Amino acid sequence: MSSSPPTRNCANGLPAWASKCPRDIGLAHLDINKGMDGWSGMDQCNGLVGAYAIDMLVGMLHRGETGVPQSPKCIMTESRWIPGKTLKK
């Protein structure tokens, strides 16, 4: 399935019985990005994740930390739901 915007038949690559989306089947994309207007699914906020990674790296450099940390750190960001046209309402 491509990440191009859904068309009247957004189920390209699925079996014939799923030919009418969202009438016959609903589709939700797990990583919605720019240019995917119309898709229902999750925006993983990739730009924010990248910004947090840079912030963490700069902090490590300022503290003189090098190499792989003994105790890895994890920063979590919440995704946000994007309502679209690929699911029934």
PDB file of N, CA and C in Angstrom:
ATOM      1  N   MET A   1       0.859  -1.166   0.000  1.00  0.00           N
ATOM      2  CA  MET A   1       0.000   0.000   0.000  1.00  0.00           C
ATOM      3  C   MET A   1       0.903   1.227   0.000  1.00  0.00           C
ATOM      4  N   SER A   2       0.639   2.159  -0.869  1.00  0.00           N
ATOM      5  CA  SER A   2       1.454   3.369  -0.927  1.00  0.00           C
ATOM      6  C   SER A   2       0.971   4.373   0.108  1.00  0.00           C
ATOM      7  N   SER A   3       1.785   5.383   0.337  1.00  0.00           N
ATOM      8  CA  SER A   3       1.401   6.413   1.293  1.00  0.00           C
ATOM      9  C   SER A   3       0.745   7.600   0.598  1.00  0.00           C
ATOM     10  N   SER A   4       0.400   7.433  -0.670  1.00  0.00           N
ATOM     11  CA  SER A   4      -0.261   8.527  -1.373  1.00  0.00           C
ATOM     12  C   SER A   4      -1.658   8.727  -0.808  1.00  0.00           C
ATOM     13  N   PRO A   5      -2.209   9.930  -0.990  1.00  0.00           N
ATOM     14  CA  PRO A   5      -3.531  10.203  -0.429  1.00  0.00           C
ATOM     15  C   PRO A   5      -4.568   9.211  -0.942  1.00  0.00           C
ATOM     16  N   PRO A   6      -5.530   8.859  -0.106  1.00  0.00           N
ATOM     17  CA  PRO A   6      -6.537   7.896  -0.537  1.00  0.00           C
ATOM     18  C   PRO A   6      -7.392   8.492  -1.637  1.00  0.00           C
ATOM     19  N   THR A   7      -7.768   7.637  -2.529  1.00  0.00           N
ATOM     20  CA  THR A   7      -8.684   8.034  -3.584  1.00  0.00           C
ATOM     21  C   THR A   7     -10.009   7.353  -3.309  1.00  0.00           C
ATOM     22  N   ARG A   8     -10.894   7.411  -4.252  1.00  0.00           N
ATOM     23  CA  ARG A   8     -12.185   6.747  -4.064  1.00  0.00           C
ATOM     24  C   ARG A   8     -11.983   5.269  -3.745  1.00  0.00           C
ATOM     25  N   ASN A   9     -10.984   4.660  -4.387  1.00  0.00           N
ATOM     26  CA  ASN A   9     -10.619   3.285  -4.081  1.00  0.00           C
ATOM     27  C   ASN A   9      -9.245   3.308  -3.430  1.00  0.00           C
ATOM     28  N   CYS A  10      -9.198   3.486  -2.121  1.00  0.00           N
ATOM     29  CA  CYS A  10      -7.914   3.607  -1.423  1.00  0.00           C
ATOM     30  C   CYS A  10      -7.354   2.255  -1.022  1.00  0.00           C
ATOM     31  N   ALA A  11      -7.983   1.178  -1.411  1.00  0.00           N
ATOM     32  CA  ALA A  11      -7.551  -0.148  -0.994  1.00  0.00           C
ATOM     33  C   ALA A  11      -6.649  -0.801  -2.032  1.00  0.00           C
ATOM     34  N   ASN A  12      -5.869  -0.024  -2.750  1.00  0.00           N
ATOM     35  CA  ASN A  12      -4.951  -0.594  -3.738  1.00  0.00           C
ATOM     36  C   ASN A  12      -4.065  -1.630  -3.081  1.00  0.00           C
ATOM     37  N   GLY A  13      -3.909  -2.775  -3.707  1.00  0.00           N
ATOM     38  CA  GLY A  13      -3.079  -3.833  -3.170  1.00  0.00           C
ATOM     39  C   GLY A  13      -3.823  -4.791  -2.261  1.00  0.00           C
ATOM     40  N   LEU A  14      -5.077  -4.515  -1.955  1.00  0.00           N
ATOM     41  CA  LEU A  14      -5.873  -5.420  -1.129  1.00  0.00           C
ATOM     42  C   LEU A  14      -6.762  -6.273  -2.030  1.00  0.00           C
ATOM     43  N   PRO A  15      -7.297  -7.361  -1.507  1.00  0.00           N
ATOM     44  CA  PRO A  15      -8.161  -8.218  -2.316  1.00  0.00           C
ATOM     45  C   PRO A  15      -9.373  -7.466  -2.867  1.00  0.00           C
ATOM     46  N   ALA A  16      -9.950  -8.000  -3.912  1.00  0.00           N
ATOM     47  CA  ALA A  16     -11.081  -7.353  -4.585  1.00  0.00           C
ATOM     48  C   ALA A  16     -12.237  -7.079  -3.632  1.00  0.00           C
ATOM     49  N   TRP A  17     -12.457  -7.927  -2.627  1.00  0.00           N
ATOM     50  CA  TRP A  17     -13.582  -7.717  -1.715  1.00  0.00           C
ATOM     51  C   TRP A  17     -13.405  -6.459  -0.881  1.00  0.00           C
ATOM     52  N   ALA A  18     -12.197  -5.911  -0.853  1.00  0.00           N
ATOM     53  CA  ALA A  18     -11.946  -4.703  -0.071  1.00  0.00           C
ATOM     54  C   ALA A  18     -11.838  -3.476  -0.971  1.00  0.00           C
ATOM     55  N   SER A  19     -12.486  -3.546  -2.114  1.00  0.00           N
ATOM     56  CA  SER A  19     -12.261  -2.521  -3.132  1.00  0.00           C
ATOM     57  C   SER A  19     -12.838  -1.154  -2.801  1.00  0.00           C
ATOM     58  N   LYS A  20     -13.815  -1.057  -1.953  1.00  0.00           N
ATOM     59  CA  LYS A  20     -14.412   0.235  -1.639  1.00  0.00           C
ATOM     60  C   LYS A  20     -14.093   0.622  -0.200  1.00  0.00           C
ATOM     61  N   CYS A  21     -13.235   1.605  -0.065  1.00  0.00           N
ATOM     62  CA  CYS A  21     -12.829   2.076   1.253  1.00  0.00           C
ATOM     63  C   CYS A  21     -13.485   3.436   1.483  1.00  0.00           C
ATOM     64  N   PRO A  22     -14.157   3.697   2.552  1.00  0.00           N
ATOM     65  CA  PRO A  22     -14.313   2.875   3.752  1.00  0.00           C
ATOM     66  C   PRO A  22     -15.599   2.061   3.777  1.00  0.00           C
ATOM     67  N   ARG A  23     -16.308   1.951   2.656  1.00  0.00           N
ATOM     68  CA  ARG A  23     -17.570   1.220   2.678  1.00  0.00           C
ATOM     69  C   ARG A  23     -17.370  -0.242   3.070  1.00  0.00           C
ATOM     70  N   ASP A  24     -16.394  -0.923   2.438  1.00  0.00           N
ATOM     71  CA  ASP A  24     -16.184  -2.349   2.692  1.00  0.00           C
ATOM     72  C   ASP A  24     -15.125  -2.629   3.749  1.00  0.00           C
ATOM     73  N   ILE A  25     -14.176  -1.728   3.872  1.00  0.00           N
ATOM     74  CA  ILE A  25     -13.078  -1.940   4.812  1.00  0.00           C
ATOM     75  C   ILE A  25     -12.556  -0.575   5.252  1.00  0.00           C
ATOM     76  N   GLY A  26     -12.152  -0.484   6.495  1.00  0.00           N
ATOM     77  CA  GLY A  26     -11.547   0.751   6.987  1.00  0.00           C
ATOM     78  C   GLY A  26     -10.043   0.590   7.045  1.00  0.00           C
ATOM     79  N   LEU A  27      -9.339   1.662   6.726  1.00  0.00           N
ATOM     80  CA  LEU A  27      -7.883   1.638   6.758  1.00  0.00           C
ATOM     81  C   LEU A  27      -7.382   2.748   7.681  1.00  0.00           C
ATOM     82  N   ALA A  28      -6.444   2.405   8.538  1.00  0.00           N
ATOM     83  CA  ALA A  28      -5.791   3.391   9.398  1.00  0.00           C
ATOM     84  C   ALA A  28      -4.292   3.238   9.200  1.00  0.00           C
ATOM     85  N   HIS A  29      -3.628   4.331   8.902  1.00  0.00           N
ATOM     86  CA  HIS A  29      -2.178   4.322   8.694  1.00  0.00           C
ATOM     87  C   HIS A  29      -1.505   4.532  10.040  1.00  0.00           C
ATOM     88  N   LEU A  30      -0.424   3.792  10.310  1.00  0.00           N
ATOM     89  CA  LEU A  30       0.234   3.872  11.610  1.00  0.00           C
ATOM     90  C   LEU A  30       1.284   4.968  11.691  1.00  0.00           C
ATOM     91  N   ASP A  31       1.579   5.632  10.566  1.00  0.00           N
ATOM     92  CA  ASP A  31       2.592   6.693  10.586  1.00  0.00           C
ATOM     93  C   ASP A  31       2.247   7.735   9.526  1.00  0.00           C
ATOM     94  N   ILE A  32       1.267   8.565   9.837  1.00  0.00           N
ATOM     95  CA  ILE A  32       0.824   9.604   8.912  1.00  0.00           C
ATOM     96  C   ILE A  32       1.878  10.706   8.842  1.00  0.00           C
ATOM     97  N   ASN A  33       2.207  11.103   7.627  1.00  0.00           N
ATOM     98  CA  ASN A  33       3.176  12.168   7.392  1.00  0.00           C
ATOM     99  C   ASN A  33       2.569  13.225   6.492  1.00  0.00           C
ATOM    100  N   LYS A  34       3.309  14.296   6.265  1.00  0.00           N
ATOM    101  CA  LYS A  34       2.848  15.340   5.359  1.00  0.00           C
ATOM    102  C   LYS A  34       2.573  14.730   3.994  1.00  0.00           C
ATOM    103  N   GLY A  35       1.571  15.244   3.335  1.00  0.00           N
ATOM    104  CA  GLY A  35       1.225  14.746   2.009  1.00  0.00           C
ATOM    105  C   GLY A  35       0.286  13.561   2.027  1.00  0.00           C
ATOM    106  N   MET A  36      -0.198  13.174   3.184  1.00  0.00           N
ATOM    107  CA  MET A  36      -1.097  12.026   3.289  1.00  0.00           C
ATOM    108  C   MET A  36      -2.498  12.485   3.674  1.00  0.00           C
ATOM    109  N   ASP A  37      -2.912  13.610   3.121  1.00  0.00           N
ATOM    110  CA  ASP A  37      -4.230  14.162   3.425  1.00  0.00           C
ATOM    111  C   ASP A  37      -5.310  13.136   3.132  1.00  0.00           C
ATOM    112  N   GLY A  38      -6.272  13.036   4.016  1.00  0.00           N
ATOM    113  CA  GLY A  38      -7.388  12.130   3.832  1.00  0.00           C
ATOM    114  C   GLY A  38      -7.259  10.810   4.571  1.00  0.00           C
ATOM    115  N   TRP A  39      -6.050  10.408   4.915  1.00  0.00           N
ATOM    116  CA  TRP A  39      -5.857   9.159   5.642  1.00  0.00           C
ATOM    117  C   TRP A  39      -6.272   9.314   7.103  1.00  0.00           C
ATOM    118  N   SER A  40      -6.866   8.276   7.649  1.00  0.00           N
ATOM    119  CA  SER A  40      -7.110   8.167   9.084  1.00  0.00           C
ATOM    120  C   SER A  40      -5.901   7.465   9.689  1.00  0.00           C
ATOM    121  N   GLY A  41      -5.522   7.835  10.897  1.00  0.00           N
ATOM    122  CA  GLY A  41      -4.431   7.109  11.533  1.00  0.00           C
ATOM    123  C   GLY A  41      -3.665   7.940  12.530  1.00  0.00           C
ATOM    124  N   MET A  42      -2.463   7.484  12.834  1.00  0.00           N
ATOM    125  CA  MET A  42      -1.653   8.071  13.889  1.00  0.00           C
ATOM    126  C   MET A  42      -0.543   8.948  13.322  1.00  0.00           C
ATOM    127  N   ASP A  43      -0.417  10.144  13.890  1.00  0.00           N
ATOM    128  CA  ASP A  43       0.714  11.017  13.613  1.00  0.00           C
ATOM    129  C   ASP A  43       1.721  10.747  14.718  1.00  0.00           C
ATOM    130  N   GLN A  44       2.860  10.181  14.372  1.00  0.00           N
ATOM    131  CA  GLN A  44       3.866   9.810  15.364  1.00  0.00           C
ATOM    132  C   GLN A  44       4.686  11.012  15.840  1.00  0.00           C
ATOM    133  N   CYS A  45       4.401  12.203  15.305  1.00  0.00           N
ATOM    134  CA  CYS A  45       5.108  13.438  15.701  1.00  0.00           C
ATOM    135  C   CYS A  45       6.610  13.281  15.515  1.00  0.00           C
ATOM    136  N   ASN A  46       7.008  12.819  14.323  1.00  0.00           N
ATOM    137  CA  ASN A  46       8.415  12.527  14.057  1.00  0.00           C
ATOM    138  C   ASN A  46       9.317  13.742  14.229  1.00  0.00           C
ATOM    139  N   GLY A  47       8.839  14.929  13.876  1.00  0.00           N
ATOM    140  CA  GLY A  47       9.647  16.132  14.062  1.00  0.00           C
ATOM    141  C   GLY A  47       9.961  16.385  15.521  1.00  0.00           C
ATOM    142  N   LEU A  48       8.986  16.148  16.382  1.00  0.00           N
ATOM    143  CA  LEU A  48       9.181  16.319  17.820  1.00  0.00           C
ATOM    144  C   LEU A  48      10.147  15.273  18.372  1.00  0.00           C
ATOM    145  N   VAL A  49      10.033  14.048  17.892  1.00  0.00           N
ATOM    146  CA  VAL A  49      10.950  12.988  18.318  1.00  0.00           C
ATOM    147  C   VAL A  49      12.383  13.371  17.942  1.00  0.00           C
ATOM    148  N   GLY A  50      12.568  13.892  16.716  1.00  0.00           N
ATOM    149  CA  GLY A  50      13.898  14.324  16.283  1.00  0.00           C
ATOM    150  C   GLY A  50      14.433  15.468  17.130  1.00  0.00           C
ATOM    151  N   ALA A  51      13.563  16.416  17.461  1.00  0.00           N
ATOM    152  CA  ALA A  51      13.980  17.546  18.297  1.00  0.00           C
ATOM    153  C   ALA A  51      14.418  17.069  19.676  1.00  0.00           C
ATOM    154  N   TYR A  52      13.680  16.116  20.249  1.00  0.00           N
ATOM    155  CA  TYR A  52      14.056  15.573  21.558  1.00  0.00           C
ATOM    156  C   TYR A  52      15.387  14.833  21.483  1.00  0.00           C
ATOM    157  N   ALA A  53      15.627  14.131  20.387  1.00  0.00           N
ATOM    158  CA  ALA A  53      16.886  13.400  20.221  1.00  0.00           C
ATOM    159  C   ALA A  53      18.065  14.368  20.160  1.00  0.00           C
ATOM    160  N   ILE A  54      17.899  15.464  19.406  1.00  0.00           N
ATOM    161  CA  ILE A  54      18.962  16.462  19.321  1.00  0.00           C
ATOM    162  C   ILE A  54      19.202  17.093  20.692  1.00  0.00           C
ATOM    163  N   ASP A  55      18.134  17.397  21.418  1.00  0.00           N
ATOM    164  CA  ASP A  55      18.259  17.979  22.750  1.00  0.00           C
ATOM    165  C   ASP A  55      19.030  17.038  23.678  1.00  0.00           C
ATOM    166  N   MET A  56      18.720  15.746  23.599  1.00  0.00           N
ATOM    167  CA  MET A  56      19.414  14.767  24.443  1.00  0.00           C
ATOM    168  C   MET A  56      20.895  14.693  24.055  1.00  0.00           C
ATOM    169  N   LEU A  57      21.188  14.698  22.752  1.00  0.00           N
ATOM    170  CA  LEU A  57      22.564  14.629  22.287  1.00  0.00           C
ATOM    171  C   LEU A  57      23.370  15.862  22.719  1.00  0.00           C
ATOM    172  N   VAL A  58      22.789  17.039  22.571  1.00  0.00           N
ATOM    173  CA  VAL A  58      23.471  18.276  22.987  1.00  0.00           C
ATOM    174  C   VAL A  58      23.755  18.241  24.489  1.00  0.00           C
ATOM    175  N   GLY A  59      22.798  17.775  25.267  1.00  0.00           N
ATOM    176  CA  GLY A  59      23.009  17.656  26.712  1.00  0.00           C
ATOM    177  C   GLY A  59      24.159  16.717  27.043  1.00  0.00           C
ATOM    178  N   MET A  60      24.232  15.594  26.337  1.00  0.00           N
ATOM    179  CA  MET A  60      25.337  14.651  26.563  1.00  0.00           C
ATOM    180  C   MET A  60      26.683  15.288  26.226  1.00  0.00           C
ATOM    181  N   LEU A  61      26.724  16.035  25.128  1.00  0.00           N
ATOM    182  CA  LEU A  61      27.974  16.694  24.739  1.00  0.00           C
ATOM    183  C   LEU A  61      28.389  17.746  25.760  1.00  0.00           C
ATOM    184  N   HIS A  62      27.434  18.509  26.272  1.00  0.00           N
ATOM    185  CA  HIS A  62      27.738  19.527  27.288  1.00  0.00           C
ATOM    186  C   HIS A  62      28.247  18.897  28.582  1.00  0.00           C
ATOM    187  N   ARG A  63      27.763  17.720  28.894  1.00  0.00           N
ATOM    188  CA  ARG A  63      28.199  17.033  30.119  1.00  0.00           C
ATOM    189  C   ARG A  63      29.468  16.205  29.888  1.00  0.00           C
ATOM    190  N   GLY A  64      29.979  16.195  28.659  1.00  0.00           N
ATOM    191  CA  GLY A  64      31.195  15.442  28.350  1.00  0.00           C
ATOM    192  C   GLY A  64      30.974  13.941  28.290  1.00  0.00           C
ATOM    193  N   GLU A  65      29.751  13.517  28.113  1.00  0.00           N
ATOM    194  CA  GLU A  65      29.442  12.083  28.041  1.00  0.00           C
ATOM    195  C   GLU A  65      29.773  11.574  26.646  1.00  0.00           C
ATOM    196  N   THR A  66      30.457  10.440  26.588  1.00  0.00           N
ATOM    197  CA  THR A  66      30.782   9.810  25.304  1.00  0.00           C
ATOM    198  C   THR A  66      30.472   8.324  25.384  1.00  0.00           C
ATOM    199  N   GLY A  67      30.349   7.720  24.236  1.00  0.00           N
ATOM    200  CA  GLY A  67      30.103   6.282  24.175  1.00  0.00           C
ATOM    201  C   GLY A  67      28.657   5.917  24.476  1.00  0.00           C
ATOM    202  N   VAL A  68      28.448   4.630  24.564  1.00  0.00           N
ATOM    203  CA  VAL A  68      27.105   4.118  24.846  1.00  0.00           C
ATOM    204  C   VAL A  68      26.841   4.249  26.347  1.00  0.00           C
ATOM    205  N   PRO A  69      25.718   4.862  26.737  1.00  0.00           N
ATOM    206  CA  PRO A  69      25.439   5.011  28.177  1.00  0.00           C
ATOM    207  C   PRO A  69      25.256   3.657  28.862  1.00  0.00           C
ATOM    208  N   GLN A  70      25.685   3.578  30.123  1.00  0.00           N
ATOM    209  CA  GLN A  70      25.498   2.341  30.886  1.00  0.00           C
ATOM    210  C   GLN A  70      24.017   2.068  31.114  1.00  0.00           C
ATOM    211  N   SER A  71      23.274   3.125  31.313  1.00  0.00           N
ATOM    212  CA  SER A  71      21.836   3.002  31.522  1.00  0.00           C
ATOM    213  C   SER A  71      21.116   3.836  30.453  1.00  0.00           C
ATOM    214  N   PRO A  72      20.600   3.207  29.428  1.00  0.00           N
ATOM    215  CA  PRO A  72      19.961   3.956  28.348  1.00  0.00           C
ATOM    216  C   PRO A  72      18.771   4.778  28.845  1.00  0.00           C
ATOM    217  N   LYS A  73      18.558   5.914  28.206  1.00  0.00           N
ATOM    218  CA  LYS A  73      17.426   6.775  28.525  1.00  0.00           C
ATOM    219  C   LYS A  73      16.384   6.634  27.425  1.00  0.00           C
ATOM    220  N   CYS A  74      15.153   6.797  27.825  1.00  0.00           N
ATOM    221  CA  CYS A  74      14.055   6.685  26.872  1.00  0.00           C
ATOM    222  C   CYS A  74      13.132   7.888  27.058  1.00  0.00           C
ATOM    223  N   ILE A  75      12.885   8.577  25.984  1.00  0.00           N
ATOM    224  CA  ILE A  75      11.930   9.684  26.017  1.00  0.00           C
ATOM    225  C   ILE A  75      10.747   9.268  25.161  1.00  0.00           C
ATOM    226  N   MET A  76       9.567   9.348  25.717  1.00  0.00           N
ATOM    227  CA  MET A  76       8.370   8.953  24.990  1.00  0.00           C
ATOM    228  C   MET A  76       7.558  10.185  24.620  1.00  0.00           C
ATOM    229  N   THR A  77       7.020  10.169  23.429  1.00  0.00           N
ATOM    230  CA  THR A  77       6.099  11.212  22.996  1.00  0.00           C
ATOM    231  C   THR A  77       4.789  10.545  22.632  1.00  0.00           C
ATOM    232  N   GLU A  78       3.720  11.238  22.877  1.00  0.00           N
ATOM    233  CA  GLU A  78       2.418  10.689  22.518  1.00  0.00           C
ATOM    234  C   GLU A  78       2.127  10.952  21.053  1.00  0.00           C
ATOM    235  N   SER A  79       1.564   9.985  20.405  1.00  0.00           N
ATOM    236  CA  SER A  79       1.073  10.161  19.048  1.00  0.00           C
ATOM    237  C   SER A  79      -0.262  10.883  19.134  1.00  0.00           C
ATOM    238  N   ARG A  80      -0.715  11.365  17.991  1.00  0.00           N
ATOM    239  CA  ARG A  80      -2.050  11.972  17.989  1.00  0.00           C
ATOM    240  C   ARG A  80      -2.857  11.382  16.857  1.00  0.00           C
ATOM    241  N   TRP A  81      -4.128  11.188  17.133  1.00  0.00           N
ATOM    242  CA  TRP A  81      -5.050  10.600  16.166  1.00  0.00           C
ATOM    243  C   TRP A  81      -5.431  11.647  15.122  1.00  0.00           C
ATOM    244  N   ILE A  82      -5.376  11.253  13.865  1.00  0.00           N
ATOM    245  CA  ILE A  82      -5.780  12.105  12.763  1.00  0.00           C
ATOM    246  C   ILE A  82      -7.036  11.492  12.144  1.00  0.00           C
ATOM    247  N   PRO A  83      -8.181  12.145  12.302  1.00  0.00           N
ATOM    248  CA  PRO A  83      -9.375  11.612  11.651  1.00  0.00           C
ATOM    249  C   PRO A  83      -9.253  11.841  10.155  1.00  0.00           C
ATOM    250  N   GLY A  84      -9.700  10.916   9.390  1.00  0.00           N
ATOM    251  CA  GLY A  84      -9.603  11.049   7.943  1.00  0.00           C
ATOM    252  C   GLY A  84     -10.822  10.451   7.266  1.00  0.00           C
ATOM    253  N   LYS A  85     -10.629  10.093   6.012  1.00  0.00           N
ATOM    254  CA  LYS A  85     -11.733   9.579   5.206  1.00  0.00           C
ATOM    255  C   LYS A  85     -11.631   8.079   4.955  1.00  0.00           C
ATOM    256  N   THR A  86     -10.684   7.398   5.610  1.00  0.00           N
ATOM    257  CA  THR A  86     -10.494   5.978   5.345  1.00  0.00           C
ATOM    258  C   THR A  86     -11.159   5.072   6.371  1.00  0.00           C
ATOM    259  N   LEU A  87     -11.889   5.655   7.305  1.00  0.00           N
ATOM    260  CA  LEU A  87     -12.666   4.887   8.287  1.00  0.00           C
ATOM    261  C   LEU A  87     -14.084   5.400   8.311  1.00  0.00           C
ATOM    262  N   LYS A  88     -15.014   4.501   8.608  1.00  0.00           N
ATOM    263  CA  LYS A  88     -16.406   4.939   8.757  1.00  0.00           C
ATOM    264  C   LYS A  88     -16.538   5.788  10.006  1.00  0.00           C
ATOM    265  N   LYS A  89     -17.445   6.709   9.982  1.00  0.00           N
ATOM    266  CA  LYS A  89     -17.664   7.563  11.141  1.00  0.00           C
ATOM    267  C   LYS A  89     -18.661   6.968  12.081  1.00  0.00           C
TER     268      LYS A  89
END
